[in-house]
């Protein structure tokens, strides 16, 4: 059996500015996506919420000072909301700070729950990602939400990041998934916003073990171009011989192209993968993702969630990594030479 729920809200805030980009707006609104279903299971198309910020400090000097933005919505009724968060920071700099808090307002004031509060003193690598589960006991008529941001210590003026949240279920309340019902507070010398993300859930219940099966989440391209997006894949295919797979797919004049991003990976219990990828699409042809898996478990079940977000931003808009910039602070100087000499003269390779 297959059941499909198509949401009606458009995702116009995800429009990209670069020519030839494919964004979740107009013909790519969530209501225009469909899934093929999955044998002996159900699939549902819905929405998640993405918060983002993009700072370009006009005078970074010794760094971009610590700063945050607040993203809030008002609870229509009281209840416990169980939220999964996927935080991706792009603070490509030196002495980077990463910060994320959840909050719940009530008559007695505000409760703060710190989820991420870390400093990377050296910063030689790409910024880390953080994910987890938070439970918020919301109160009718009062706000709840997240405080997101950070800083760094270098003359690189950029500070970017985004957090996607979705409802795990199992609580007594529902997460607000309409981006228009969220408010984004200002961040000094930066842009902040809230936009919808696309969500696909699948759930398979079989007789004994789950034979390999997949479902496709697809839309039709109305122009030639490049579809680039973040993806998150969370699920549980149980514990005995479980495998999970996720591919980005696109039909074209030469047939179907499929790019595996989770290539039939063995899993055990709850798993979580994330990444960013892109694929060339052709007008009037379908593109999207293919997800599924298998097991040989007496639990007879596989289930998962795929989130697509951050459409409309090309790889060219990402902070570039320079191989000669060893500490990733945006400049090449004597510090990078010193790091190279230390590595070259070390007794062992790192």
Protein backbone atom coordinates (compact mmCIF):
# COMPACT_ATOMS: atom_id res chain seq x y z
CA UNK A 1 0.00 0.00 0.00
CA UNK A 2 1.15 3.51 -0.78
CA UNK A 3 -0.14 6.70 0.79
CA UNK A 4 1.15 10.07 -0.29
CA UNK A 5 0.48 13.41 1.39
CA UNK A 6 1.36 16.48 -0.70
CA UNK A 7 1.74 19.78 1.14
CA UNK A 8 0.37 22.94 -0.45
CA UNK A 9 2.80 25.63 0.70
CA UNK A 10 5.23 26.93 -1.89
CA UNK A 11 8.93 27.33 -1.17
CA UNK A 12 9.50 30.67 -2.89
CA UNK A 13 12.11 31.75 -0.36
CA UNK A 14 14.51 29.14 -1.76
CA UNK A 15 14.97 30.88 -5.11
CA UNK A 16 18.58 30.98 -6.33
CA UNK A 17 20.12 33.95 -8.09
CA UNK A 18 22.61 32.17 -10.35
CA UNK A 19 21.54 31.42 -13.94
CA UNK A 20 20.43 27.87 -14.56
CA UNK A 21 19.89 26.97 -10.90
CA UNK A 22 17.00 24.76 -9.94
CA UNK A 23 15.21 25.86 -6.78
CA UNK A 24 12.17 24.67 -4.81
CA UNK A 25 9.85 27.40 -6.08
CA UNK A 26 7.19 27.65 -8.74
CA UNK A 27 7.30 24.29 -10.53
CA UNK A 28 9.46 22.87 -7.71
CA UNK A 29 7.09 23.74 -4.87
CA UNK A 30 6.50 20.85 -2.48
CA UNK A 31 3.00 20.28 -3.90
CA UNK A 32 4.53 19.38 -7.28
CA UNK A 33 6.68 16.55 -5.96
CA UNK A 34 5.53 12.93 -6.02
CA UNK A 35 6.86 9.57 -4.89
CA UNK A 36 6.52 6.15 -6.46
CA UNK A 37 5.68 4.42 -3.24
CA UNK A 38 7.41 1.47 -1.67
CA UNK A 39 6.24 -2.14 -1.65
CA UNK A 40 4.53 -3.25 1.58
CA UNK A 41 4.98 0.21 3.03
CA UNK A 42 3.91 3.81 3.16
CA UNK A 43 5.60 7.00 2.01
CA UNK A 44 4.73 10.57 2.91
CA UNK A 45 5.92 13.87 1.44
CA UNK A 46 5.93 16.78 3.87
CA UNK A 47 7.96 19.74 5.07
CA UNK A 48 10.75 20.60 7.46
CA UNK A 49 12.11 24.04 8.43
CA UNK A 50 15.50 25.56 7.65
CA UNK A 51 17.09 28.53 9.45
CA UNK A 52 20.03 30.28 7.80
CA UNK A 53 22.41 33.21 8.30
CA UNK A 54 25.03 34.82 6.07
CA UNK A 55 27.35 37.47 7.51
CA UNK A 56 29.77 39.62 5.53
CA UNK A 57 31.50 41.85 8.08
CA UNK A 58 32.51 45.16 6.50
CA UNK A 59 35.44 45.57 8.91
CA UNK A 60 36.50 42.17 10.26
CA UNK A 61 39.83 43.41 11.67
CA UNK A 62 40.85 40.72 14.13
CA UNK A 63 37.83 38.63 13.33
CA UNK A 64 34.07 38.44 13.13
CA UNK A 65 32.86 39.04 16.67
CA UNK A 66 30.57 36.49 18.27
CA UNK A 67 26.99 37.13 17.16
CA UNK A 68 23.70 35.24 17.01
CA UNK A 69 20.26 35.37 15.45
CA UNK A 70 16.99 34.22 17.02
CA UNK A 71 14.39 32.17 15.16
CA UNK A 72 11.01 31.88 16.86
CA UNK A 73 7.39 30.85 16.42
CA UNK A 74 4.38 30.93 18.72
CA UNK A 75 2.90 27.68 20.01
CA UNK A 76 -0.81 27.42 19.24
CA UNK A 77 -1.26 24.86 22.00
CA UNK A 78 0.76 23.36 24.83
CA UNK A 79 2.62 20.13 24.19
CA UNK A 80 5.93 18.29 24.07
CA UNK A 81 7.65 18.55 20.69
CA UNK A 82 10.48 16.14 19.85
CA UNK A 83 12.83 17.78 17.33
CA UNK A 84 15.80 16.48 15.37
CA UNK A 85 18.29 19.21 14.42
CA UNK A 86 20.97 19.17 11.72
CA UNK A 87 23.35 22.13 12.16
CA UNK A 88 25.92 22.92 9.46
CA UNK A 89 28.40 25.74 10.06
CA UNK A 90 30.64 27.28 7.41
CA UNK A 91 32.96 29.36 9.60
CA UNK A 92 36.06 28.75 7.48
CA UNK A 93 38.46 30.66 9.71
CA UNK A 94 40.78 30.64 12.70
CA UNK A 95 39.53 30.15 16.30
CA UNK A 96 36.00 29.42 15.22
CA UNK A 97 33.01 29.48 17.56
CA UNK A 98 29.87 27.43 16.96
CA UNK A 99 26.72 28.10 18.97
CA UNK A 100 23.18 26.69 19.05
CA UNK A 101 20.53 26.99 21.75
CA UNK A 102 16.88 26.00 21.91
CA UNK A 103 14.48 28.02 24.04
CA UNK A 104 10.93 27.85 25.38
CA UNK A 105 9.06 30.88 26.74
CA UNK A 106 6.42 30.71 29.46
CA UNK A 107 4.79 32.90 32.10
CA UNK A 108 7.80 32.36 34.35
CA UNK A 109 10.34 33.44 31.71
CA UNK A 110 12.60 31.71 29.21
CA UNK A 111 14.18 28.27 29.48
CA UNK A 112 17.42 27.89 27.49
CA UNK A 113 18.80 24.55 26.35
CA UNK A 114 22.36 24.68 25.01
CA UNK A 115 22.91 22.21 22.17
CA UNK A 116 26.23 23.41 20.69
CA UNK A 117 28.82 25.65 22.35
CA UNK A 118 32.25 24.83 20.98
CA UNK A 119 35.46 26.59 20.00
CA UNK A 120 37.90 25.17 17.46
CA UNK A 121 41.17 26.92 18.33
CA UNK A 122 43.25 25.83 15.33
CA UNK A 123 40.70 25.54 12.56
CA UNK A 124 42.76 23.61 9.98
CA UNK A 125 39.77 21.65 8.76
CA UNK A 126 36.36 22.30 7.26
CA UNK A 127 33.84 23.46 9.85
CA UNK A 128 32.17 20.65 11.78
CA UNK A 129 28.51 19.68 11.71
CA UNK A 130 26.31 18.90 14.70
CA UNK A 131 23.09 16.93 15.04
CA UNK A 132 20.89 15.56 17.77
CA UNK A 133 17.47 15.46 19.41
CA UNK A 134 15.93 18.08 21.69
CA UNK A 135 12.55 17.95 23.45
CA UNK A 136 10.71 21.24 23.96
CA UNK A 137 7.77 21.56 26.36
CA UNK A 138 5.94 24.37 24.56
CA UNK A 139 3.26 26.61 26.06
CA UNK A 140 0.17 27.89 24.24
CA UNK A 141 0.53 31.53 23.23
CA UNK A 142 4.26 31.65 24.02
CA UNK A 143 7.28 31.48 21.71
CA UNK A 144 9.77 28.69 21.23
CA UNK A 145 12.69 28.41 18.85
CA UNK A 146 16.45 28.52 18.40
CA UNK A 147 19.39 30.89 18.81
CA UNK A 148 22.15 30.27 16.26
CA UNK A 149 25.52 31.83 15.45
CA UNK A 150 29.17 32.06 16.40
CA UNK A 151 32.29 33.93 15.35
CA UNK A 152 35.94 33.59 14.41
CA UNK A 153 39.32 35.26 14.84
CA UNK A 154 40.70 36.23 11.43
CA UNK A 155 40.21 38.92 8.79
CA UNK A 156 37.96 36.65 6.71
CA UNK A 157 34.63 38.56 6.72
CA UNK A 158 32.35 35.56 6.16
CA UNK A 159 30.24 33.71 8.69
CA UNK A 160 27.60 31.35 7.31
CA UNK A 161 25.47 28.55 8.63
CA UNK A 162 22.12 26.82 8.55
CA UNK A 163 20.10 24.52 10.79
CA UNK A 164 17.32 22.21 9.59
CA UNK A 165 14.79 20.91 12.09
CA UNK A 166 12.03 18.34 11.79
CA UNK A 167 9.50 16.68 14.07
CA UNK A 168 10.48 13.19 15.21
CA UNK A 169 6.99 12.50 16.51
CA UNK A 170 6.17 10.71 19.73
CA UNK A 171 5.38 13.92 21.58
CA UNK A 172 2.09 15.52 22.58
CA UNK A 173 2.55 18.58 20.34
CA UNK A 174 3.42 19.30 16.72
CA UNK A 175 6.35 21.29 15.36
CA UNK A 176 5.45 24.33 13.27
CA UNK A 177 6.64 23.43 9.75
CA UNK A 178 5.31 26.47 7.88
CA UNK A 179 8.30 28.78 7.38
CA UNK A 180 6.02 31.82 7.08
CA UNK A 181 5.03 31.31 10.73
CA UNK A 182 8.61 31.73 11.94
CA UNK A 183 10.40 35.02 12.64
CA UNK A 184 14.14 35.46 12.04
CA UNK A 185 15.86 37.99 14.28
CA UNK A 186 18.62 40.22 12.93
CA UNK A 187 22.30 39.29 12.97
CA UNK A 188 24.83 42.15 12.89
CA UNK A 189 25.94 42.79 9.27
CA UNK A 190 24.24 39.66 8.08
CA UNK A 191 21.20 38.22 6.39
CA UNK A 192 18.97 35.81 8.30
CA UNK A 193 15.91 33.90 7.20
CA UNK A 194 13.62 30.90 7.47
CA UNK A 195 12.66 28.70 4.55
CA UNK A 196 10.89 25.40 4.02
CA UNK A 197 12.75 22.17 3.38
CA UNK A 198 11.37 19.05 1.71
CA UNK A 199 10.81 15.84 3.66
CA UNK A 200 10.20 12.24 2.57
CA UNK A 201 9.28 9.56 5.13
CA UNK A 202 9.03 5.84 4.38
CA UNK A 203 7.95 2.92 6.53
CA UNK A 204 7.99 -0.75 5.48
CA UNK A 205 6.53 -3.64 7.45
CA UNK A 206 7.12 -7.07 5.90
CA UNK A 207 6.49 -10.69 6.91
CA UNK A 208 10.06 -11.81 7.64
CA UNK A 209 12.95 -9.62 6.70
CA UNK A 210 12.72 -6.80 4.18
CA UNK A 211 13.88 -7.59 0.67
CA UNK A 212 15.64 -4.76 -1.22
CA UNK A 213 13.25 -1.96 -2.19
CA UNK A 214 13.32 1.77 -2.89
CA UNK A 215 11.07 4.74 -3.48
CA UNK A 216 11.68 7.82 -5.65
CA UNK A 217 10.98 11.43 -4.72
CA UNK A 218 10.87 13.37 -7.99
CA UNK A 219 9.80 16.57 -9.71
CA UNK A 220 9.91 17.71 -13.33
CA UNK A 221 12.56 20.22 -14.40
CA UNK A 222 11.21 23.12 -16.46
CA UNK A 223 14.62 24.21 -17.72
CA UNK A 224 18.10 22.84 -18.26
CA UNK A 225 20.40 23.50 -15.32
CA UNK A 226 22.02 22.19 -12.18
CA UNK A 227 20.05 21.09 -9.11
CA UNK A 228 22.21 21.49 -5.99
CA UNK A 229 20.99 20.84 -2.46
CA UNK A 230 21.85 19.61 1.01
CA UNK A 231 20.53 16.20 1.96
CA UNK A 232 20.09 14.44 5.30
CA UNK A 233 19.22 10.76 5.64
CA UNK A 234 18.14 9.37 9.01
CA UNK A 235 16.56 5.99 9.63
CA UNK A 236 16.57 2.60 11.27
CA UNK A 237 16.74 -0.62 9.24
CA UNK A 238 17.06 -2.70 12.39
CA UNK A 239 20.01 -4.87 13.39
CA UNK A 240 20.51 -8.01 11.31
CA UNK A 241 22.04 -7.58 7.84
CA UNK A 242 20.56 -4.09 7.43
CA UNK A 243 21.56 -1.93 4.46
CA UNK A 244 20.58 1.60 3.44
CA UNK A 245 20.97 3.45 0.15
CA UNK A 246 20.33 6.93 -1.21
CA UNK A 247 20.96 8.20 -4.74
CA UNK A 248 20.38 11.45 -6.58
CA UNK A 249 18.67 10.72 -9.89
CA UNK A 250 17.85 12.60 -13.10
CA UNK A 251 16.31 11.55 -16.41
CA UNK A 252 17.72 12.99 -19.62
CA UNK A 253 18.21 12.47 -23.31
CA UNK A 254 20.86 9.84 -22.57
CA UNK A 255 18.68 7.97 -20.07
CA UNK A 256 18.73 8.03 -16.29
CA UNK A 257 21.75 9.22 -14.31
CA UNK A 258 21.99 7.97 -10.72
CA UNK A 259 24.65 9.28 -8.33
CA UNK A 260 24.92 7.14 -5.15
CA UNK A 261 25.55 9.26 -2.05
CA UNK A 262 24.86 6.46 0.46
CA UNK A 263 25.93 3.42 -1.53
CA UNK A 264 24.13 0.41 0.02
CA UNK A 265 25.88 0.96 3.34
CA UNK A 266 25.62 -1.60 6.16
CA UNK A 267 23.90 -0.03 9.17
CA UNK A 268 23.03 -1.15 12.69
CA UNK A 269 20.25 0.59 14.57
CA UNK A 270 19.61 4.28 14.03
CA UNK A 271 21.86 5.85 11.37
CA UNK A 272 22.40 9.37 10.11
CA UNK A 273 24.16 10.57 6.96
CA UNK A 274 24.42 14.06 5.49
CA UNK A 275 26.01 15.78 2.53
CA UNK A 276 25.59 18.19 -0.34
CA UNK A 277 25.43 17.19 -3.97
CA UNK A 278 24.25 18.38 -7.37
CA UNK A 279 23.09 16.86 -10.62
CA UNK A 280 22.49 18.21 -14.12
CA UNK A 281 18.83 18.24 -15.13
CA UNK A 282 17.03 18.65 -18.44
CA UNK A 283 13.77 20.47 -19.08
CA UNK A 284 10.61 18.30 -18.92
CA UNK A 285 12.52 15.42 -17.33
CA UNK A 286 12.27 14.14 -13.78
CA UNK A 287 14.96 14.52 -11.12
CA UNK A 288 15.10 13.82 -7.40
CA UNK A 289 16.28 11.12 -4.98
CA UNK A 290 15.90 7.35 -4.67
CA UNK A 291 15.99 5.90 -1.16
CA UNK A 292 15.48 2.54 0.51
CA UNK A 293 17.21 -0.53 1.84
CA UNK A 294 16.79 -4.02 3.21
CA UNK A 295 17.38 -6.33 6.16
CA UNK A 296 17.09 -9.96 7.23
CA UNK A 297 15.79 -9.07 10.65
CA UNK A 298 12.93 -10.60 12.63
CA UNK A 299 11.86 -6.99 13.26
CA UNK A 300 10.54 -7.09 9.65
CA UNK A 301 10.74 -3.30 9.30
CA UNK A 302 12.74 -0.45 7.79
CA UNK A 303 11.93 3.24 8.14
CA UNK A 304 13.65 6.51 7.40
CA UNK A 305 13.48 10.21 6.61
CA UNK A 306 15.19 12.13 3.81
CA UNK A 307 15.44 15.93 4.04
CA UNK A 308 16.33 18.13 1.04
CA UNK A 309 17.30 21.70 1.89
CA UNK A 310 19.41 24.70 0.94
CA UNK A 311 18.34 24.77 -2.68
CA UNK A 312 19.36 27.76 -4.76
CA UNK A 313 22.96 28.03 -3.54
CA UNK A 314 25.67 26.82 -5.91
CA UNK A 315 29.01 25.42 -4.89
CA UNK A 316 30.59 28.68 -6.14
CA UNK A 317 28.90 30.43 -3.21
CA UNK A 318 30.66 28.19 -0.70
CA UNK A 319 33.87 29.34 1.00
CA UNK A 320 36.71 28.03 -1.14
CA UNK A 321 39.44 25.92 0.41
CA UNK A 322 42.95 26.91 -0.72
CA UNK A 323 45.50 24.11 -0.44
CA UNK A 324 48.23 26.62 0.49
CA UNK A 325 46.06 28.13 3.23
CA UNK A 326 46.93 25.44 5.77
CA UNK A 327 45.10 26.99 8.72
CA UNK A 328 42.09 27.89 6.56
CA UNK A 329 41.99 31.52 7.74
CA UNK A 330 41.38 32.95 4.30
CA UNK A 331 44.92 34.30 3.79
CA UNK A 332 48.33 32.88 2.90
CA UNK A 333 51.03 34.14 5.25
CA UNK A 334 54.00 33.08 7.42
CA UNK A 335 51.73 31.05 9.67
CA UNK A 336 50.96 28.69 6.77
CA UNK A 337 54.68 28.40 5.97
CA UNK A 338 55.38 27.53 9.60
CA UNK A 339 52.72 24.83 9.60
CA UNK A 340 54.22 23.36 6.42
CA UNK A 341 57.76 23.35 7.87
CA UNK A 342 56.55 21.68 11.07
CA UNK A 343 54.76 18.98 9.08
CA UNK A 344 57.70 18.52 6.70
CA UNK A 345 60.26 18.12 9.49
CA UNK A 346 58.09 15.89 11.69
CA UNK A 347 59.38 12.38 12.37
CA UNK A 348 56.11 10.87 11.23
CA UNK A 349 53.49 11.87 8.68
CA UNK A 350 50.29 13.21 10.23
